[in-house]
Protein backbone atom coordinates (compact mmCIF):
# COMPACT_ATOMS: atom_id res chain seq x y z
CA MET A 1 31.42 -233.90 -101.23
CA ASP A 2 30.23 -237.03 -99.38
CA ALA A 3 32.87 -239.32 -100.77
CA VAL A 4 33.50 -242.64 -99.07
CA ASN A 5 35.47 -242.04 -95.88
CA PRO A 6 39.08 -243.23 -96.36
CA PHE A 7 38.97 -244.43 -92.75
CA CYS A 8 36.19 -246.84 -93.74
CA ARG A 9 38.47 -248.26 -96.42
CA CYS A 10 41.17 -248.77 -93.77
CA LEU A 11 38.67 -250.67 -91.61
CA LEU A 12 37.76 -252.80 -94.62
CA ALA A 13 41.41 -253.54 -95.35
CA VAL A 14 42.00 -254.56 -91.72
CA ALA A 15 38.96 -256.83 -91.72
CA LEU A 16 40.04 -258.52 -94.93
CA ALA A 17 43.67 -258.80 -93.87
CA ALA A 18 42.53 -260.65 -90.78
CA ILE A 19 41.03 -263.46 -92.85
CA ILE A 20 43.60 -263.87 -95.63
CA GLY A 21 45.50 -266.50 -93.71
CA CYS A 22 42.36 -268.52 -92.96
CA THR A 23 41.67 -271.51 -95.14
CA THR A 24 38.53 -273.49 -95.67
CA ASP A 25 38.42 -277.18 -94.88
CA GLY A 26 37.31 -277.95 -98.40
CA THR A 27 33.83 -279.03 -97.28
CA SER A 28 31.20 -277.86 -99.72
CA VAL A 29 28.00 -276.34 -98.39
CA SER A 30 26.10 -277.85 -101.32
CA LYS A 31 26.34 -281.08 -103.25
CA ALA A 32 26.14 -279.24 -106.55
CA ARG A 33 29.45 -279.17 -108.41
CA GLY A 34 30.82 -275.93 -109.78
CA GLN A 35 30.10 -275.63 -113.48
CA MET A 36 30.41 -272.97 -116.13
CA PRO A 37 26.95 -271.80 -117.23
CA PRO A 38 25.81 -272.79 -120.72
CA ASP A 39 24.62 -270.35 -123.31
CA PRO A 40 21.24 -268.78 -122.47
CA ARG A 41 18.14 -270.30 -123.94
CA SER A 42 16.86 -267.15 -125.60
CA PRO A 43 18.20 -263.78 -126.78
CA ILE A 44 17.83 -260.58 -124.77
CA ALA A 45 15.15 -258.02 -125.59
CA PRO A 46 17.22 -254.81 -125.74
CA ILE A 47 14.79 -252.37 -124.14
CA ALA A 48 11.72 -254.39 -123.24
CA PRO A 49 10.75 -254.53 -119.55
CA ILE A 50 11.86 -257.63 -117.71
CA ALA A 51 8.95 -259.98 -117.09
CA PRO A 52 9.02 -260.91 -113.41
CA VAL A 53 8.86 -264.69 -112.98
CA VAL A 54 10.08 -267.09 -110.34
CA ALA A 55 12.43 -270.00 -110.58
CA SER A 56 10.56 -273.17 -111.47
CA THR A 57 13.13 -275.21 -109.54
CA PRO A 58 12.86 -274.91 -105.74
CA VAL A 59 15.90 -273.20 -104.20
CA THR A 60 17.14 -274.23 -100.79
CA GLY A 61 18.85 -271.77 -98.52
CA SER A 62 18.04 -268.10 -98.23
CA PRO A 63 18.86 -265.24 -100.62
CA VAL A 64 21.28 -262.47 -99.83
CA ALA A 65 19.75 -259.22 -98.63
CA GLY A 66 19.78 -256.73 -101.48
CA THR A 67 18.79 -259.16 -104.20
CA PRO A 68 17.07 -257.05 -106.90
CA VAL A 69 13.41 -257.71 -107.56
CA GLY A 70 10.82 -256.62 -110.09
CA PRO A 71 8.47 -253.66 -109.75
CA ASP A 72 5.58 -255.93 -108.69
CA VAL A 73 7.35 -256.55 -105.40
CA GLN A 74 7.32 -252.85 -104.62
CA LYS A 75 3.62 -252.64 -105.50
CA ALA A 76 2.94 -255.50 -103.10
CA GLY A 77 4.55 -253.51 -100.32
CA TYR A 78 7.94 -255.21 -100.25
CA SER A 79 11.26 -253.36 -100.15
CA THR A 80 13.55 -253.53 -103.19
CA ALA A 81 16.05 -255.18 -100.84
CA LEU A 82 14.77 -258.69 -100.03
CA THR A 83 15.32 -259.89 -96.51
CA GLU A 84 16.53 -263.45 -96.25
CA THR A 85 13.17 -264.65 -94.87
CA LYS A 86 10.93 -262.77 -97.31
CA GLY A 87 13.11 -263.72 -100.27
CA LEU A 88 12.84 -267.41 -99.46
CA GLU A 89 9.10 -267.11 -98.87
CA LEU A 90 8.61 -265.50 -102.27
CA LEU A 91 10.56 -268.27 -103.97
CA LYS A 92 8.68 -271.05 -102.20
CA SER A 93 5.26 -269.47 -102.56
CA GLY A 94 5.43 -269.40 -106.35
CA VAL A 95 4.37 -265.76 -106.45
CA PRO A 96 5.68 -264.39 -109.81
CA GLN A 97 8.28 -261.89 -108.57
CA ILE A 98 11.84 -262.85 -109.48
CA LYS A 99 13.59 -265.20 -111.84
CA VAL A 100 16.65 -266.86 -110.34
CA VAL A 101 19.17 -268.26 -112.83
CA ALA A 102 21.90 -269.42 -110.43
CA LEU A 103 22.49 -270.14 -106.77
CA VAL A 104 26.09 -269.68 -105.63
CA GLY A 105 27.07 -271.19 -102.30
CA ALA A 106 24.32 -271.45 -99.72
CA THR A 107 22.79 -267.99 -100.02
CA ASN A 108 23.99 -265.95 -103.01
CA LEU A 109 21.37 -265.56 -105.74
CA VAL A 110 21.93 -264.47 -109.33
CA THR A 111 18.78 -263.14 -110.98
CA ASP A 112 17.97 -262.98 -114.65
CA GLN A 113 17.19 -259.29 -114.18
CA GLU A 114 20.75 -258.49 -113.09
CA VAL A 115 22.27 -260.44 -115.99
CA VAL A 116 19.93 -258.83 -118.52
CA GLU A 117 20.65 -255.34 -117.21
CA ALA A 118 24.39 -256.06 -117.34
CA VAL A 119 23.98 -256.92 -121.02
CA ARG A 120 21.96 -253.74 -121.60
CA GLN A 121 24.93 -251.70 -120.39
CA HIS A 122 26.50 -252.66 -123.74
CA LEU A 123 23.67 -251.34 -125.92
CA SER A 124 26.03 -249.06 -127.84
CA GLU A 125 28.00 -252.12 -128.87
CA LEU A 126 24.86 -254.04 -129.81
CA ASN A 127 23.39 -251.18 -131.82
CA VAL A 128 26.21 -251.27 -134.39
CA ILE A 129 25.86 -255.00 -135.04
CA ASP A 130 24.12 -256.28 -138.15
CA PRO A 131 20.49 -257.04 -137.18
CA SER A 132 20.83 -260.60 -138.46
CA MET A 133 23.70 -261.19 -136.01
CA ARG A 134 22.26 -259.35 -133.03
CA ALA A 135 20.33 -262.21 -131.45
CA GLN A 136 23.41 -264.45 -131.42
CA LYS A 137 25.56 -261.64 -130.02
CA GLU A 138 23.01 -261.01 -127.25
CA LYS A 139 23.13 -264.69 -126.29
CA GLU A 140 26.93 -264.62 -126.17
CA MET A 141 26.92 -261.46 -124.06
CA TYR A 142 24.32 -262.95 -121.70
CA ALA A 143 26.48 -266.04 -121.19
CA ALA A 144 29.58 -263.89 -120.58
CA GLU A 145 27.81 -261.64 -118.06
CA LEU A 146 26.32 -264.66 -116.28
CA ARG A 147 29.78 -266.19 -115.90
CA ARG A 148 31.19 -262.87 -114.66
CA ILE A 149 28.45 -262.39 -112.06
CA ILE A 150 28.73 -265.99 -110.85
CA ALA A 151 32.50 -265.51 -110.50
CA ARG A 152 31.86 -262.39 -108.43
CA GLU A 153 29.45 -264.29 -106.17
CA LEU A 154 31.95 -267.16 -105.78
CA ILE A 155 34.51 -264.64 -104.54
CA LEU A 156 32.01 -263.19 -102.07
CA ASP A 157 30.96 -266.65 -100.90
CA GLU A 158 34.62 -267.43 -100.22
CA MET A 159 35.00 -264.17 -98.28
CA TYR A 160 31.89 -264.83 -96.16
CA THR A 161 33.02 -268.40 -95.43
CA LYS A 162 36.45 -267.30 -94.25
CA LEU A 163 35.06 -264.50 -92.13
CA LYS A 164 32.65 -266.83 -90.40
CA LYS A 165 35.26 -269.56 -89.83
CA SER A 166 37.66 -267.02 -88.35
CA GLY A 167 34.97 -265.82 -85.93
CA LYS A 168 34.70 -262.42 -87.63
CA ALA A 169 31.19 -262.62 -89.02
CA ALA A 170 30.50 -259.15 -87.62
CA ALA A 171 33.01 -257.73 -90.10
CA ILE A 172 30.61 -258.58 -92.92
CA ASP A 173 28.42 -255.65 -91.91
CA ASP A 174 31.42 -253.28 -91.94
CA ILE A 175 32.42 -254.50 -95.39
CA LYS A 176 28.87 -254.10 -96.72
CA ASP A 177 28.64 -250.63 -95.19
CA TYR A 178 31.84 -249.50 -96.92
CA ALA A 179 30.80 -251.03 -100.26
CA GLY A 180 27.32 -249.53 -99.94
CA LYS A 181 28.72 -246.05 -99.42
CA ALA A 182 31.05 -246.52 -102.39
CA ALA A 183 28.10 -247.64 -104.54
CA ASP A 184 25.97 -244.68 -103.45
CA PHE A 185 28.82 -242.31 -104.27
CA THR A 186 29.22 -243.83 -107.74
CA VAL A 187 25.49 -243.69 -108.50
CA ARG A 188 25.33 -240.05 -107.35
CA GLY A 189 28.23 -239.29 -109.67
CA ILE A 190 26.26 -240.68 -112.61
CA ARG A 191 23.11 -238.88 -111.49
CA LYS A 192 24.93 -235.51 -111.63
CA ASN A 193 25.05 -235.80 -115.42
CA PHE A 194 21.27 -235.31 -115.50
CA PRO A 195 19.31 -232.16 -114.60
CA SER A 196 16.81 -233.96 -112.35
CA ASP A 197 16.00 -237.28 -110.71
CA GLU A 198 13.05 -237.71 -113.05
CA ILE A 199 15.18 -237.34 -116.19
CA PHE A 200 17.77 -239.70 -114.73
CA GLN A 201 15.04 -242.26 -114.07
CA GLU A 202 13.61 -241.79 -117.57
CA TYR A 203 17.04 -242.38 -119.08
CA MET A 204 17.56 -245.55 -117.04
CA ASN A 205 14.12 -246.79 -118.11
CA SER A 206 14.92 -246.05 -121.76
CA GLN A 207 18.02 -248.22 -121.44
CA GLY A 208 16.10 -251.06 -119.80
CA GLN A 209 17.99 -250.61 -116.54
CA SER A 210 17.09 -249.87 -112.93
CA ILE A 211 18.91 -247.90 -110.25
CA PRO A 212 18.61 -250.59 -107.52
CA VAL A 213 20.23 -253.21 -109.75
CA LEU A 214 22.94 -250.78 -110.86
CA ARG A 215 23.71 -249.93 -107.25
CA ARG A 216 23.83 -253.62 -106.32
CA GLN A 217 26.32 -254.31 -109.09
CA PHE A 218 28.61 -251.54 -107.84
CA GLU A 219 28.28 -252.63 -104.22
CA ARG A 220 29.00 -256.31 -104.68
CA GLN A 221 31.76 -255.74 -107.24
CA THR A 222 33.48 -253.39 -104.79
CA MET A 223 33.42 -256.06 -102.09
CA ALA A 224 34.76 -258.68 -104.49
CA ASN A 225 37.51 -256.39 -105.81
CA GLU A 226 38.69 -255.47 -102.30
CA TYR A 227 38.82 -259.11 -101.24
CA VAL A 228 40.76 -260.15 -104.34
CA ARG A 229 43.17 -257.24 -103.89
CA SER A 230 43.81 -258.26 -100.28
CA VAL A 231 44.31 -261.92 -101.13
CA LEU A 232 46.63 -261.31 -104.08
CA LYS A 233 48.66 -258.35 -102.85
CA ASP A 234 51.66 -260.55 -101.98
CA LYS A 235 51.18 -263.23 -104.65
CA ALA A 236 51.63 -261.41 -107.94
CA ARG A 237 55.28 -261.03 -108.83
CA SER A 238 56.85 -257.65 -109.43
CA PRO A 239 58.22 -256.99 -112.94
CA GLY A 240 61.95 -256.42 -113.31
CA PHE A 241 63.73 -254.14 -115.76
CA ALA A 242 64.22 -256.96 -118.28
CA ASP A 243 60.50 -257.76 -118.17
CA MET A 244 59.61 -254.14 -118.80
CA ARG A 245 62.06 -253.77 -121.67
CA ASP A 246 60.80 -256.99 -123.26
CA TYR A 247 57.19 -255.78 -123.07
CA TYR A 248 58.14 -252.39 -124.51
CA ASP A 249 59.95 -254.02 -127.46
CA LYS A 250 57.11 -256.44 -128.20
CA HIS A 251 54.31 -253.85 -128.01
CA PRO A 252 55.59 -250.80 -129.91
CA ASP A 253 52.07 -249.68 -130.91
CA GLU A 254 51.25 -249.01 -127.25
CA PHE A 255 54.04 -246.45 -126.95
CA LYS A 256 53.60 -244.26 -129.99
CA ASN A 257 52.97 -240.54 -130.03
CA THR A 258 50.66 -238.86 -132.49
CA ASP A 259 51.19 -235.30 -133.67
CA LYS A 260 49.75 -232.94 -131.07
CA VAL A 261 49.99 -229.21 -130.70
CA LEU A 262 49.01 -226.58 -128.16
CA TRP A 263 48.64 -223.26 -129.91
CA LEU A 264 47.31 -219.75 -129.27
CA ASP A 265 45.25 -217.61 -131.60
CA ILE A 266 44.25 -213.99 -132.18
CA PHE A 267 41.54 -213.36 -134.79
CA ILE A 268 41.13 -209.93 -136.38
CA SER A 269 37.76 -209.69 -138.14
CA TYR A 270 37.28 -207.67 -141.33
CA GLY A 271 33.91 -206.62 -139.93
CA ARG A 272 35.53 -204.71 -137.09
CA HIS A 273 37.47 -202.42 -139.47
CA PRO A 274 36.48 -200.04 -142.27
CA THR A 275 38.55 -201.86 -144.91
CA PRO A 276 40.49 -205.14 -145.25
CA GLN A 277 43.66 -203.05 -145.42
CA ALA A 278 42.85 -201.51 -142.04
CA ALA A 279 42.27 -204.95 -140.58
CA TYR A 280 45.64 -206.11 -141.94
CA ALA A 281 47.44 -203.07 -140.52
CA HIS A 282 45.95 -203.78 -137.10
CA ALA A 283 46.90 -207.45 -137.32
CA GLN A 284 50.44 -206.57 -138.39
CA SER A 285 50.80 -204.27 -135.39
CA ILE A 286 49.69 -207.05 -133.02
CA PHE A 287 52.06 -209.52 -134.68
CA GLN A 288 55.03 -207.24 -134.15
CA THR A 289 54.14 -206.80 -130.48
CA ALA A 290 53.74 -210.57 -130.00
CA ALA A 291 56.99 -211.34 -131.86
CA LEU A 292 58.87 -209.11 -129.41
CA GLY A 293 57.77 -211.34 -126.54
CA ALA A 294 54.57 -209.70 -125.28
CA ASP A 295 52.11 -211.82 -123.28
CA PHE A 296 50.20 -213.58 -126.07
CA PRO A 297 47.16 -214.65 -123.96
CA ALA A 298 46.81 -211.04 -122.78
CA LEU A 299 46.98 -209.79 -126.38
CA SER A 300 44.36 -212.36 -127.38
CA LYS A 301 42.05 -211.33 -124.57
CA LYS A 302 42.35 -207.68 -125.62
CA HIS A 303 42.25 -207.93 -129.42
CA ASP A 304 40.70 -211.28 -130.42
CA ASN A 305 37.37 -211.03 -132.26
CA GLY A 306 36.60 -214.76 -131.96
CA VAL A 307 36.40 -217.32 -129.14
CA SER A 308 40.08 -217.77 -128.32
CA GLY A 309 40.29 -214.53 -126.36
CA GLN A 310 37.66 -215.89 -123.98
CA GLN A 311 39.64 -219.06 -123.23
CA GLY A 312 43.14 -217.79 -122.57
CA GLY A 313 44.01 -217.48 -126.24
CA ILE A 314 43.95 -221.26 -126.82
CA GLY A 315 43.22 -222.21 -130.42
CA ILE A 316 40.66 -224.81 -131.50
CA GLY A 317 41.96 -228.35 -132.09
CA HIS A 318 45.11 -230.19 -131.05
CA VAL A 319 45.56 -233.02 -133.57
CA ARG A 320 45.75 -233.17 -137.35
CA GLY A 321 42.43 -232.59 -139.06
CA GLU A 322 40.87 -230.83 -136.07
CA ILE A 323 42.58 -227.42 -136.24
CA LYS A 324 40.03 -224.64 -136.86
CA PRO A 325 39.80 -222.70 -139.06
CA GLU A 326 41.31 -225.01 -141.68
CA ASP A 327 43.08 -222.03 -143.28
CA VAL A 328 45.56 -221.85 -140.37
CA GLU A 329 46.29 -225.58 -139.93
CA ALA A 330 49.24 -225.76 -142.31
CA THR A 331 50.88 -222.80 -140.59
CA VAL A 332 50.26 -224.22 -137.09
CA TRP A 333 52.01 -227.49 -137.97
CA SER A 334 54.93 -225.66 -139.61
CA LEU A 335 55.83 -223.67 -136.48
CA GLN A 336 58.16 -224.67 -133.67
CA PRO A 337 57.33 -224.02 -130.00
CA GLY A 338 57.68 -220.29 -129.33
CA ASP A 339 57.21 -219.24 -132.97
CA VAL A 340 54.63 -216.57 -133.86
CA SER A 341 53.15 -216.46 -137.36
CA ASP A 342 52.68 -213.49 -139.64
CA PRO A 343 49.00 -212.53 -140.10
CA ILE A 344 47.28 -215.42 -141.94
CA PRO A 345 44.51 -214.29 -144.34
CA THR A 346 41.17 -216.14 -144.22
CA PRO A 347 37.76 -215.31 -145.77
CA ALA A 348 36.65 -213.70 -142.47
CA GLY A 349 39.81 -211.90 -141.40
CA TYR A 350 43.38 -212.45 -140.21
CA HIS A 351 44.73 -214.93 -137.66
CA ILE A 352 47.97 -214.62 -135.72
CA VAL A 353 49.02 -217.90 -134.11
CA LYS A 354 51.69 -218.97 -131.67
CA VAL A 355 52.74 -222.56 -130.96
CA VAL A 356 53.29 -223.30 -127.28
CA LYS A 357 53.97 -227.03 -127.30
CA ARG A 358 54.50 -229.76 -129.90
CA GLU A 359 54.49 -233.54 -129.63
CA PHE A 360 55.83 -235.27 -132.72
CA ALA A 361 54.59 -238.60 -134.02
CA GLY A 362 56.88 -241.55 -133.38
CA GLN A 363 58.00 -244.08 -130.82
CA ARG A 364 58.23 -242.80 -127.28
CA ALA A 365 61.59 -243.16 -125.59
CA PHE A 366 62.00 -245.87 -122.96
CA ASP A 367 62.41 -243.25 -120.26
CA ALA A 368 61.31 -243.22 -116.61
CA LYS A 369 57.73 -242.22 -117.49
CA VAL A 370 57.33 -245.02 -120.02
CA GLN A 371 58.96 -247.52 -117.66
CA ASN A 372 56.39 -246.65 -114.99
CA GLU A 373 53.59 -247.16 -117.52
CA VAL A 374 55.02 -250.55 -118.52
CA ARG A 375 55.39 -251.55 -114.87
CA GLU A 376 51.72 -250.75 -114.20
CA LYS A 377 50.65 -252.68 -117.31
CA LEU A 378 52.62 -255.74 -116.20
CA LEU A 379 51.40 -255.52 -112.62
CA ARG A 380 47.82 -255.48 -113.87
CA LYS A 381 48.59 -258.40 -116.17
CA TYR A 382 50.15 -260.43 -113.35
CA ARG A 383 47.28 -259.61 -110.97
CA ASP A 384 44.72 -260.55 -113.63
CA THR A 385 46.48 -263.87 -114.15
CA GLU A 386 46.47 -264.63 -110.43
CA GLU A 387 42.85 -263.55 -110.12
CA GLN A 388 41.86 -265.85 -112.99
CA LYS A 389 43.63 -268.75 -111.26
CA MET A 390 41.77 -267.93 -108.08
CA ILE A 391 38.41 -267.82 -109.87
CA GLU A 392 39.09 -271.09 -111.69
CA GLU A 393 39.86 -272.75 -108.36
CA LEU A 394 36.63 -271.37 -106.88
CA TRP A 395 34.72 -272.73 -109.89
CA ARG A 396 36.25 -276.18 -109.28
CA ARG A 397 35.37 -276.41 -105.61
CA GLY A 398 32.60 -273.84 -105.21
CA PRO A 399 28.96 -274.92 -105.26
CA VAL A 400 27.18 -273.38 -108.23
CA ARG A 401 23.67 -274.47 -109.10
CA LEU A 402 22.17 -273.29 -112.39
CA ILE A 403 18.39 -272.96 -112.19
CA GLU A 404 16.49 -274.27 -115.19
CA ASN A 405 13.39 -272.20 -115.87
C-alpha cells in the first residue's frame, strides 16, 4: 500500500504549529468586502457537460496552481493544472476556457465547474425529488456548495497569509505535497471499486464529474481541515461528566439498541436422503451431537447442505425481517445465547440453529463505552462551533469577490 507517509503528516503538523501564534495585521489584500454568495442564477444540469466559458469580469491577481479547467484547455496543449501565469493569461485573453464564480483573497479562484461537480456528488438525493421541485433544489444546493467552497478557500488564504508573514512560505510546498499524496490515495481507493481505468472514467463521465476536479477537492479540503485542526486544538473545551450525562438524557434515540442476533445454521436437505424420514433421522443425530457441546461450525462445515457451512456456519440475516429462511426466524429469536434448536422443518429440509449472541432492543446503559461515544459527539460539536466562528470571522474580514457572468 502507498498510503500517505505518517512522517509527512508530522511535518505538516509542525509547519502548521509554527504559524498558529502568528496574527495578521488586519490589512486586506483586496478592497472587496467579504459577502455570502447569493443564490445561483440558473439551475444545474444534472449530467450535461459543463460549457467552458470565461469570467466576463476581469480578475486581478493570479489563480492558484491546480485550478480545474475544461477539456478544451487540454486539447489546446495546456495542463489540467493551470500555472499562475497561464491561468491569468487565459482569463485576460478572453479565450473560452473556464468560468470563475468567485475570487477569494488575492489568488484563490472558485470555478463554476467545481461547484457544479460538487452538486453532482448529490445526484442520489436529487433523483428522489419531485421533478417540479428539482430545479429549485439544485439552485439551493449550488448556493450551499458555493458557500462551502468559498469558506474552504478563505481558510487556505488565511493559512497562506500567516505562513508568508512568519517567513515560512517554503512550508506551503510541504503542505501541498502532503495533501496531494492524501488526495491521490483517496482517489486510488475509489478507483479500486472499478475493474479498469476506462470503466472508472466512464462512470465519472456518467455522473457529470471529472477526476482532476475530484482530486482537487480532496487536496484542498485536506489542507483546510489540517489547518483548522491545528488552530482549534486548544480552543474547544473538553466535555465534563455532567455535560455527557445531560447529552445522553436529552438524546435517547441516539443510544438505542435494535434486536440483533448472531446465529449458526446447519441445513439438511431432503434431496440428499432417500426419504424425508431419513433426512429427519440424520438431522436429529446432528442435533444431539451439537446439544452435547460439539463444535457447531465444524458440524456445519461437515453436514450443511446450504451456504452456511461455507462461511463458518453463520446463518443469513442479523435483524428482524432479514433472517433466512423465514421458517426459522421465530425459533432464532426465541433462543438464548448458547441454545441449540431441535430440527426445524421447512419445505426443503431441516434446519438446526444455534444462537451465539443476542442484543436486545432498548436503551443502552450509560456505561464507559457510551460515555466515550458521547464525549466524541460533544467534542465534534464543540469543534464545529469553534470552526463556524472562525469561518464567520474570515467572511467578515476576508476579501471575497463574486464574479458576475
